[in-house]
Amino acid sequence: MPGYRGEVQKILRAASVRIGDKVKIESRNRTYLGVLMPRTELGDPDHLVLKLPNGYNVGVRVDSATKITLVERGKPPTLTVPKRETIQDPAKPRVVIIGTGGTIASRVDYRTGAVYPAFTSEEICSAVPEIAEIANIKVVQACNVFSEHMTPELWVKIARAVAREINNGAAGVVVAHGTDTMSYTAAALSFMLQGLFRPVVLVGSQRSSDRPSSDAALNLISAVAVAARSDIAEVTVVMHGSTEDDFCLIHRGTKVRKCHTSRRDAFQSINDIPLGMVRDGQIRMLRDDYHRASSEGRVRVQGRLEKKVALLKVTPGLPSSVIKGIVASGDKGIVLEGTGLGHAPQSLFEGIEFAVKRKVPVVMTSQCLWGRVDMNVYSTGRDLLRLGVIPAEDMLPEVAWVKLMWVLGRTKDLTKVAKLMQQNLAGEITSRTRPDVFLKPMFTPG
């Protein structure tokens, strides 16, 4: 019973009626005849929706005195994105869009409020026809979850789908992904996809397709342009670069974070500038220190991940029992979001020593995000280094967390773990802190 809950759901079930059935409703001395319609998830639990014979929908208040009678069995209303015939042009590159869930390309049923995602190439090209002018589009589905439900197991599944399509000749791959955990997936793919020789672009939308201010179309057009036309051979994130519909930015997959809950330019490169920008489908690179694409190669997936890794935010007076509990629960690694240059209160020292002695690596990042960890400046930092804490340079906490999972999938030796964590493997560490990229609300190209 989509959209129905509480008392009205019980009454409908007691009457043995389903969505799409023709029913008679007798309520408050009035009688209604119509088709039972689904409701949005935000609907209250006291009303049902009927489609009347004249085509209008009406809400009817339902209580224990309401009488509902089945008149005729029907079928639930369905709606799909209209298909648009796509002609394969041998002169155009082939771009594969890998779906993971969400509705970056979709159609809204304004009768019910439901958003119907596009799953086929024809549906995607119908929703955003501009992408068919850029490339021959193929769509595959790796999974179908909201991004907040993404898991390390699904990262591996997505990585294998990406590798398969690139190794089968795709010019580039676009991964359609919800925005909440997009940067986590981007980081995971950056480490797992070894030998990458074509562009991989994660894209999403901050505002759904049923809103006039949706950013979905421009983001998808720009992402397909990067996958089809750029010479980047890295995992990237392409999202709005401003609050207007004017350009998108190309962020490195290990240096990007969602910095606002709802702004269209929420994604920013941290401690670095974006790789490039896309305006009107045309790409302009803003730097040249990126891996270049090539016509030949073979992508391998190193998908062994140690999932039992904790990410712990340091707070004043945090007790050592927290870390001891993490170790006792079987976690194999810990990433700390320390304060300032990479500090933790003395109350945590015993717990850190406890972890390191049991060969559980402890990695230090900073809550500040901008800037980098430097644990040699103050005595607290030096004490933590002596305890065996591994400094993570200017890595984002979530990137360090994903990287430690990947590193522990390679080795459990603490010396080797420390070496790999401090080695720049996928652009996650910059050689020096840039003073010109601090807290910009948006990136303005020169």
Protein backbone atom coordinates (compact mmCIF):
# COMPACT_ATOMS: atom_id res chain seq x y z
CA MET A 1 0.00 0.00 0.00
CA PRO A 2 2.44 2.71 -1.17
CA GLY A 3 2.16 5.88 0.90
CA TYR A 4 -0.44 4.53 3.33
CA ARG A 5 0.26 3.95 6.99
CA GLY A 6 -1.41 3.89 10.37
CA GLU A 7 -5.19 3.58 10.71
CA VAL A 8 -6.02 4.14 7.05
CA GLN A 9 -3.71 1.28 6.05
CA LYS A 10 -5.47 -1.04 8.50
CA ILE A 11 -8.90 -0.05 7.15
CA LEU A 12 -7.85 -0.61 3.54
CA ARG A 13 -6.41 -4.01 4.34
CA ALA A 14 -9.53 -4.98 6.27
CA ALA A 15 -11.58 -4.12 3.18
CA SER A 16 -9.23 -6.28 1.01
CA VAL A 17 -8.62 -3.48 -1.49
CA ARG A 18 -5.37 -2.63 -3.25
CA ILE A 19 -3.87 0.28 -5.11
CA GLY A 20 -5.54 0.51 -8.55
CA ASP A 21 -8.84 -1.07 -7.45
CA LYS A 22 -12.14 0.67 -8.18
CA VAL A 23 -13.79 1.27 -4.81
CA LYS A 24 -16.80 2.92 -3.19
CA ILE A 25 -16.15 5.04 -0.12
CA GLU A 26 -18.98 5.95 2.24
CA SER A 27 -17.81 8.57 4.71
CA ARG A 28 -19.55 11.40 6.63
CA ASN A 29 -22.83 11.04 4.75
CA ARG A 30 -21.08 11.24 1.36
CA THR A 31 -20.31 8.55 -1.18
CA TYR A 32 -17.29 8.52 -3.51
CA LEU A 33 -16.60 6.21 -6.41
CA GLY A 34 -13.13 6.03 -7.93
CA VAL A 35 -9.78 4.30 -8.26
CA LEU A 36 -7.61 4.00 -5.16
CA MET A 37 -4.35 5.84 -5.83
CA PRO A 38 -0.93 5.63 -4.13
CA ARG A 39 0.19 8.51 -1.93
CA THR A 40 3.49 10.22 -1.30
CA GLU A 41 5.48 9.08 1.73
CA LEU A 42 4.82 12.47 3.35
CA GLY A 43 1.06 11.92 3.38
CA ASP A 44 -0.76 11.90 6.73
CA PRO A 45 -2.27 8.65 8.07
CA ASP A 46 -5.91 9.88 8.01
CA HIS A 47 -6.70 10.28 4.31
CA LEU A 48 -6.80 8.20 1.15
CA VAL A 49 -6.68 9.41 -2.45
CA LEU A 50 -9.22 8.50 -5.12
CA LYS A 51 -9.12 9.24 -8.83
CA LEU A 52 -12.67 10.18 -9.74
CA PRO A 53 -14.30 9.29 -13.08
CA ASN A 54 -13.81 12.91 -14.21
CA GLY A 55 -10.03 12.50 -13.88
CA TYR A 56 -9.56 14.59 -10.75
CA ASN A 57 -7.99 13.26 -7.57
CA VAL A 58 -9.73 13.80 -4.26
CA GLY A 59 -8.59 13.20 -0.70
CA VAL A 60 -11.08 11.46 1.58
CA ARG A 61 -10.79 11.48 5.34
CA VAL A 62 -11.06 7.96 6.76
CA ASP A 63 -12.00 6.85 10.26
CA SER A 64 -13.45 3.77 11.92
CA ALA A 65 -16.95 4.68 10.66
CA THR A 66 -15.86 4.80 7.02
CA LYS A 67 -17.20 2.01 4.82
CA ILE A 68 -15.02 0.84 1.92
CA THR A 69 -16.37 -1.55 -0.69
CA LEU A 70 -14.49 -3.18 -3.54
CA VAL A 71 -16.25 -2.53 -6.86
CA GLU A 72 -13.75 -3.91 -9.34
CA ARG A 73 -10.21 -5.21 -9.24
CA GLY A 74 -7.67 -3.06 -11.07
CA LYS A 75 -3.97 -2.69 -11.66
CA PRO A 76 -1.65 -0.26 -9.83
CA PRO A 77 -0.93 2.84 -11.94
CA THR A 78 2.50 2.76 -13.49
CA LEU A 79 4.68 5.36 -15.10
CA THR A 80 7.98 5.00 -16.85
CA VAL A 81 10.29 7.51 -18.41
CA PRO A 82 9.32 7.76 -22.09
CA LYS A 83 11.81 5.99 -24.27
CA ARG A 84 13.72 7.92 -26.89
CA GLU A 85 15.16 5.94 -29.75
CA THR A 86 18.93 6.17 -29.63
CA ILE A 87 20.96 5.77 -32.80
CA GLN A 88 24.48 4.48 -32.36
CA ASP A 89 26.88 6.81 -34.16
CA PRO A 90 30.24 5.14 -34.89
CA ALA A 91 31.89 8.56 -34.84
CA LYS A 92 30.96 9.11 -31.18
CA PRO A 93 32.72 7.63 -28.16
CA ARG A 94 30.90 5.08 -26.02
CA VAL A 95 30.16 6.12 -22.44
CA VAL A 96 28.73 3.70 -19.90
CA ILE A 97 26.55 5.04 -17.10
CA ILE A 98 26.61 2.74 -14.07
CA GLY A 99 23.59 3.18 -11.83
CA THR A 100 23.87 2.69 -8.09
CA GLY A 101 20.49 4.10 -7.04
CA GLY A 102 18.88 7.51 -6.93
CA THR A 103 17.08 9.52 -9.56
CA ILE A 104 19.54 11.78 -11.36
CA ALA A 105 17.56 11.04 -14.54
CA SER A 106 13.88 10.51 -13.82
CA ARG A 107 10.33 11.55 -14.42
CA VAL A 108 7.88 12.78 -11.82
CA ASP A 109 4.29 11.57 -11.64
CA TYR A 110 2.54 14.71 -10.44
CA ARG A 111 -0.62 12.74 -9.69
CA THR A 112 1.08 10.80 -6.91
CA GLY A 113 4.32 12.65 -6.27
CA ALA A 114 6.31 9.53 -7.11
CA VAL A 115 9.69 9.88 -8.83
CA TYR A 116 10.43 7.15 -11.36
CA PRO A 117 14.12 6.57 -12.06
CA ALA A 118 15.45 5.94 -15.54
CA PHE A 119 17.23 2.62 -15.91
CA THR A 120 17.72 2.09 -19.65
CA SER A 121 19.77 3.95 -22.21
CA GLU A 122 16.59 5.07 -23.97
CA GLU A 123 15.07 6.38 -20.74
CA ILE A 124 18.23 8.22 -19.70
CA CYS A 125 18.54 9.86 -23.13
CA SER A 126 14.88 10.80 -23.03
CA ALA A 127 15.26 12.47 -19.64
CA VAL A 128 18.49 14.29 -20.61
CA PRO A 129 18.63 14.20 -24.43
CA GLU A 130 21.76 16.36 -24.60
CA ILE A 131 23.98 13.46 -23.53
CA ALA A 132 23.10 11.52 -26.70
CA GLU A 133 24.69 14.35 -28.69
CA ILE A 134 27.97 13.80 -26.82
CA ALA A 135 28.33 10.03 -26.83
CA ASN A 136 26.73 6.67 -27.48
CA ILE A 137 25.19 5.83 -24.11
CA LYS A 138 24.95 2.44 -22.45
CA VAL A 139 23.39 2.03 -19.01
CA VAL A 140 24.07 -0.80 -16.55
CA GLN A 141 22.90 -1.20 -12.97
CA ALA A 142 25.46 -2.17 -10.32
CA CYS A 143 23.12 -1.79 -7.35
CA ASN A 144 20.05 0.16 -6.29
CA VAL A 145 20.42 1.75 -2.86
CA PHE A 146 20.22 5.22 -1.36
CA SER A 147 23.77 6.47 -0.89
CA GLU A 148 23.43 6.46 2.89
CA HIS A 149 23.01 2.67 2.60
CA MET A 150 26.17 2.21 0.51
CA THR A 151 28.58 -0.44 1.86
CA PRO A 152 32.19 -1.52 1.24
CA GLU A 153 30.85 -4.66 -0.43
CA LEU A 154 28.97 -2.49 -2.92
CA TRP A 155 32.12 -0.39 -3.54
CA VAL A 156 33.78 -3.58 -4.77
CA LYS A 157 30.80 -4.44 -6.95
CA ILE A 158 30.84 -0.95 -8.50
CA ALA A 159 34.61 -1.14 -9.05
CA ARG A 160 34.26 -4.46 -10.88
CA ALA A 161 31.50 -3.03 -13.08
CA VAL A 162 33.69 -0.02 -13.92
CA ALA A 163 36.70 -2.19 -14.74
CA ARG A 164 34.65 -4.51 -16.90
CA GLU A 165 33.21 -1.68 -19.01
CA ILE A 166 36.55 0.09 -19.49
CA ASN A 167 38.32 -3.15 -20.36
CA ASN A 168 35.53 -3.79 -22.88
CA GLY A 169 36.32 -0.57 -24.70
CA ALA A 170 34.29 2.22 -23.09
CA ALA A 171 35.80 5.68 -23.61
CA GLY A 172 34.82 6.51 -20.05
CA VAL A 173 32.44 5.56 -17.27
CA VAL A 174 29.94 7.69 -15.34
CA VAL A 175 28.82 6.40 -11.94
CA ALA A 176 25.44 7.87 -10.96
CA HIS A 177 25.47 8.08 -7.17
CA GLY A 178 23.62 9.76 -4.32
CA THR A 179 25.48 12.76 -2.93
CA ASP A 180 25.56 11.89 0.78
CA THR A 181 28.37 9.32 0.51
CA MET A 182 29.62 10.05 -2.98
CA SER A 183 33.06 11.14 -1.75
CA TYR A 184 33.50 7.85 0.15
CA THR A 185 32.79 5.83 -2.98
CA ALA A 186 35.05 8.10 -5.04
CA ALA A 187 37.90 7.48 -2.61
CA ALA A 188 37.30 3.73 -2.56
CA LEU A 189 37.30 3.52 -6.36
CA SER A 190 40.45 5.66 -6.50
CA PHE A 191 42.36 3.06 -4.48
CA MET A 192 40.76 -0.08 -5.87
CA LEU A 193 40.97 0.68 -9.61
CA GLN A 194 44.58 -0.10 -10.47
CA GLY A 195 45.98 0.65 -13.92
CA LEU A 196 43.11 3.01 -14.73
CA PHE A 197 43.57 4.45 -18.23
CA ARG A 198 40.19 6.09 -18.90
CA PRO A 199 38.11 8.67 -17.01
CA VAL A 200 35.73 7.54 -14.26
CA VAL A 201 33.24 10.22 -13.18
CA LEU A 202 30.92 10.13 -10.18
CA VAL A 203 27.89 12.38 -10.49
CA GLY A 204 24.69 13.05 -8.59
CA SER A 205 22.20 15.78 -7.90
CA GLN A 206 21.66 17.89 -4.81
CA ARG A 207 18.08 18.61 -5.76
CA SER A 208 15.73 16.02 -7.20
CA SER A 209 14.29 16.06 -10.67
CA ASP A 210 10.86 17.18 -9.45
CA ARG A 211 12.23 20.60 -8.44
CA PRO A 212 12.64 23.50 -10.86
CA SER A 213 16.04 24.18 -9.30
CA SER A 214 17.30 20.65 -9.94
CA ASP A 215 20.98 20.42 -10.82
CA ALA A 216 20.64 16.92 -12.26
CA ALA A 217 20.68 17.70 -15.99
CA LEU A 218 23.73 19.99 -16.03
CA ASN A 219 25.66 17.64 -13.76
CA LEU A 220 24.93 14.61 -15.95
CA ILE A 221 25.69 16.43 -19.21
CA SER A 222 29.01 17.66 -17.78
CA ALA A 223 29.89 14.22 -16.39
CA VAL A 224 29.26 12.54 -19.75
CA ALA A 225 31.37 15.23 -21.44
CA VAL A 226 34.29 14.47 -19.10
CA ALA A 227 33.91 10.72 -19.62
CA ALA A 228 33.74 11.09 -23.40
CA ARG A 229 36.13 13.95 -24.15
CA SER A 230 38.67 14.42 -21.37
CA ASP A 231 42.17 12.98 -21.20
CA ILE A 232 41.88 12.28 -17.47
CA ALA A 233 42.68 8.77 -16.26
CA GLU A 234 41.53 9.15 -12.66
CA VAL A 235 38.41 8.82 -10.54
CA THR A 236 36.70 12.21 -10.38
CA VAL A 237 33.54 13.85 -9.08
CA VAL A 238 31.70 16.31 -11.36
CA MET A 239 29.13 18.59 -9.74
CA HIS A 240 27.90 22.19 -9.93
CA GLY A 241 30.63 24.79 -9.49
CA SER A 242 28.29 27.63 -8.49
CA THR A 243 24.71 28.16 -7.44
CA GLU A 244 23.84 29.06 -11.03
CA ASP A 245 23.42 26.72 -14.00
CA ASP A 246 26.65 27.89 -15.61
CA PHE A 247 29.45 25.39 -15.03
CA CYS A 248 30.53 22.25 -13.22
CA LEU A 249 33.85 21.46 -11.58
CA ILE A 250 35.96 18.33 -11.96
CA HIS A 251 37.19 17.27 -8.51
CA ARG A 252 39.82 14.61 -7.80
CA GLY A 253 38.12 11.65 -6.16
CA THR A 254 40.36 11.68 -3.07
CA LYS A 255 40.26 15.44 -2.41
CA VAL A 256 36.55 16.24 -2.54
CA ARG A 257 33.92 16.63 0.13
CA LYS A 258 30.25 17.55 0.31
CA CYS A 259 30.42 20.78 2.33
CA HIS A 260 26.76 21.85 2.42
CA THR A 261 23.54 19.93 2.94
CA SER A 262 21.59 21.46 0.07
CA ARG A 263 23.54 24.02 -2.00
CA ARG A 264 24.07 23.05 -5.60
CA ASP A 265 27.78 23.90 -5.30
CA ALA A 266 28.15 21.80 -2.15
CA PHE A 267 31.10 19.77 -3.43
CA GLN A 268 34.50 21.38 -2.98
CA SER A 269 38.08 20.27 -3.43
CA ILE A 270 39.80 20.38 -0.02
CA ASN A 271 43.42 21.57 0.27
CA ASP A 272 43.65 21.73 -3.51
CA ILE A 273 42.03 23.24 -6.56
CA PRO A 274 39.80 21.23 -8.90
CA LEU A 275 41.31 19.44 -11.87
CA GLY A 276 39.15 21.36 -14.31
CA MET A 277 35.77 22.76 -15.19
CA VAL A 278 33.04 22.07 -17.74
CA ARG A 279 31.02 24.84 -19.37
CA ASP A 280 28.53 24.18 -22.18
CA GLY A 281 29.97 20.67 -22.53
CA GLN A 282 33.48 22.01 -23.13
CA ILE A 283 36.30 21.03 -20.78
CA ARG A 284 38.93 23.42 -19.49
CA MET A 285 41.69 21.92 -17.37
CA LEU A 286 42.88 24.07 -14.47
CA ARG A 287 46.03 22.07 -13.72
CA ASP A 288 48.30 19.59 -15.45
CA ASP A 289 49.36 17.25 -12.64
CA TYR A 290 46.87 14.50 -13.37
CA HIS A 291 47.14 11.04 -14.89
CA ARG A 292 46.58 11.08 -18.65
CA ALA A 293 44.28 8.70 -20.47
CA SER A 294 45.67 6.26 -23.04
CA SER A 295 44.18 4.18 -25.82
CA GLU A 296 45.32 0.89 -24.34
CA GLY A 297 45.57 -0.66 -20.93
CA ARG A 298 43.84 -3.00 -18.52
CA VAL A 299 42.14 -2.06 -15.29
CA ARG A 300 42.55 -4.38 -12.31
CA VAL A 301 40.43 -4.28 -9.18
CA GLN A 302 42.24 -4.62 -5.87
CA GLY A 303 39.09 -5.05 -3.86
CA ARG A 304 40.30 -6.65 -0.64
CA LEU A 305 39.09 -4.36 2.14
CA GLU A 306 39.38 -4.70 5.89
CA LYS A 307 35.89 -3.52 6.83
CA LYS A 308 36.55 -3.44 10.57
CA VAL A 309 38.13 0.01 10.75
CA ALA A 310 36.83 2.73 13.08
CA LEU A 311 36.66 6.47 12.43
CA LEU A 312 36.66 8.28 15.78
CA LYS A 313 36.14 11.99 16.37
CA VAL A 314 38.35 13.28 19.18
CA THR A 315 36.54 15.33 21.81
CA PRO A 316 37.80 16.98 25.01
CA GLY A 317 38.26 14.41 27.77
CA LEU A 318 37.46 11.42 25.55
CA PRO A 319 38.38 8.39 27.67
CA SER A 320 40.71 5.58 26.69
CA SER A 321 37.91 3.10 27.30
CA VAL A 322 36.45 4.13 23.93
CA ILE A 323 39.52 2.98 22.03
CA LYS A 324 39.88 -0.12 24.21
CA GLY A 325 36.28 -0.97 23.38
CA ILE A 326 36.95 -0.54 19.65
CA VAL A 327 39.92 -2.89 19.85
CA ALA A 328 38.05 -5.39 22.01
CA SER A 329 35.23 -5.49 19.44
CA GLY A 330 37.72 -6.75 16.86
CA ASP A 331 38.44 -3.64 14.80
CA LYS A 332 41.77 -3.87 12.96
CA GLY A 333 42.45 -0.15 12.52
CA ILE A 334 41.48 3.26 13.89
CA VAL A 335 41.45 6.69 12.23
CA LEU A 336 41.29 9.62 14.62
CA GLU A 337 39.80 12.99 13.69
CA GLY A 338 42.17 14.89 15.93
CA THR A 339 42.13 18.55 16.87
CA GLY A 340 44.27 21.21 15.23
CA LEU A 341 47.59 19.92 13.89
CA GLY A 342 46.73 16.35 14.91
CA HIS A 343 46.24 16.27 18.67
CA ALA A 344 44.32 14.17 21.15
CA PRO A 345 43.79 14.64 24.91
CA GLN A 346 46.04 12.85 27.36
CA SER A 347 42.99 10.87 28.44
CA LEU A 348 43.30 8.91 25.17
CA PHE A 349 47.00 8.07 25.46
CA GLU A 350 46.48 4.85 27.38
CA GLY A 351 43.95 3.64 24.83
CA ILE A 352 46.19 4.50 21.88
CA GLU A 353 49.11 2.65 23.48
CA PHE A 354 46.77 -0.29 24.13
CA ALA A 355 45.78 -0.40 20.44
CA VAL A 356 49.30 -0.09 19.02
CA LYS A 357 50.66 -2.82 21.30
CA ARG A 358 47.99 -5.10 19.86
CA LYS A 359 49.12 -4.21 16.33
CA VAL A 360 46.06 -2.08 15.61
CA PRO A 361 47.30 0.95 13.61
CA VAL A 362 46.11 4.37 14.77
CA VAL A 363 46.09 7.08 12.08
CA MET A 364 45.79 10.79 12.84
CA THR A 365 43.83 13.29 10.71
CA SER A 366 42.47 16.72 11.59
CA GLN A 367 38.94 17.95 12.16
CA CYS A 368 40.00 21.24 10.62
CA LEU A 369 39.96 19.74 7.08
CA TRP A 370 41.95 22.61 5.56
CA GLY A 371 45.64 22.49 6.34
CA ARG A 372 47.61 19.42 7.28
CA VAL A 373 48.62 17.36 10.28
CA ASP A 374 51.98 18.33 11.76
CA MET A 375 52.63 16.43 14.97
CA ASN A 376 56.16 17.75 15.53
CA VAL A 377 55.15 21.29 16.47
CA TYR A 378 53.79 20.76 19.98
CA SER A 379 54.70 18.32 22.72
CA THR A 380 51.33 16.56 22.57
CA GLY A 381 51.87 15.71 18.93
CA ARG A 382 55.37 14.44 19.62
CA ASP A 383 54.06 12.30 22.48
CA LEU A 384 51.49 10.78 20.13
CA LEU A 385 54.18 10.02 17.56
CA ARG A 386 56.17 8.23 20.23
CA LEU A 387 53.12 6.14 21.01
CA GLY A 388 53.10 5.00 17.39
CA VAL A 389 50.37 7.21 15.88
CA ILE A 390 50.64 7.52 12.08
CA PRO A 391 50.22 11.10 10.77
CA ALA A 392 48.01 11.34 7.66
CA GLU A 393 49.37 14.59 6.19
CA ASP A 394 46.46 16.50 4.62
CA MET A 395 44.16 13.56 3.96
CA LEU A 396 40.49 14.05 4.68
CA PRO A 397 39.38 11.88 7.64
CA GLU A 398 36.97 9.85 5.50
CA VAL A 399 39.60 9.34 2.81
CA ALA A 400 42.11 8.14 5.43
CA TRP A 401 39.42 5.78 6.76
CA VAL A 402 38.78 4.30 3.31
CA LYS A 403 42.50 4.12 2.55
CA LEU A 404 43.25 2.31 5.82
CA MET A 405 40.58 -0.26 4.94
CA TRP A 406 42.28 -0.77 1.59
CA VAL A 407 45.81 -0.85 3.04
CA LEU A 408 44.84 -3.38 5.71
CA GLY A 409 43.48 -5.51 2.89
CA ARG A 410 47.08 -5.64 1.59
CA THR A 411 49.05 -6.02 4.84
CA LYS A 412 48.67 -6.08 8.62
CA ASP A 413 52.35 -5.31 9.28
CA LEU A 414 52.42 -1.98 11.18
CA THR A 415 55.61 -0.76 9.51
CA LYS A 416 54.24 -1.44 6.03
CA VAL A 417 50.87 0.05 6.97
CA ALA A 418 52.55 3.26 8.14
CA LYS A 419 54.60 3.48 4.95
CA LEU A 420 51.60 3.00 2.68
CA MET A 421 49.42 5.41 4.66
CA GLN A 422 52.04 8.15 4.25
CA GLN A 423 52.59 7.43 0.56
CA ASN A 424 50.60 9.37 -2.03
CA LEU A 425 48.84 6.59 -3.94
CA ALA A 426 45.88 8.29 -5.63
CA GLY A 427 46.34 12.03 -5.17
CA GLU A 428 45.08 11.90 -1.59
CA ILE A 429 48.17 13.69 -0.23
CA THR A 430 49.49 16.98 -1.53
CA SER A 431 53.19 17.77 -1.20
CA ARG A 432 52.51 21.11 0.46
CA THR A 433 49.58 23.00 1.87
CA ARG A 434 48.14 25.56 -0.55
CA PRO A 435 47.33 28.86 1.22
CA ASP A 436 45.00 29.97 -1.59
CA VAL A 437 42.28 27.32 -1.25
CA PHE A 438 41.00 28.00 2.26
CA LEU A 439 37.25 28.02 2.88
CA LYS A 440 36.12 29.35 -0.47
CA PRO A 441 32.32 29.24 -0.72
CA MET A 442 32.74 28.43 -4.39
CA PHE A 443 35.59 28.15 -6.83
CA THR A 444 35.77 31.04 -9.28
CA PRO A 445 37.84 30.24 -12.36
CA GLY A 446 40.21 32.92 -13.62
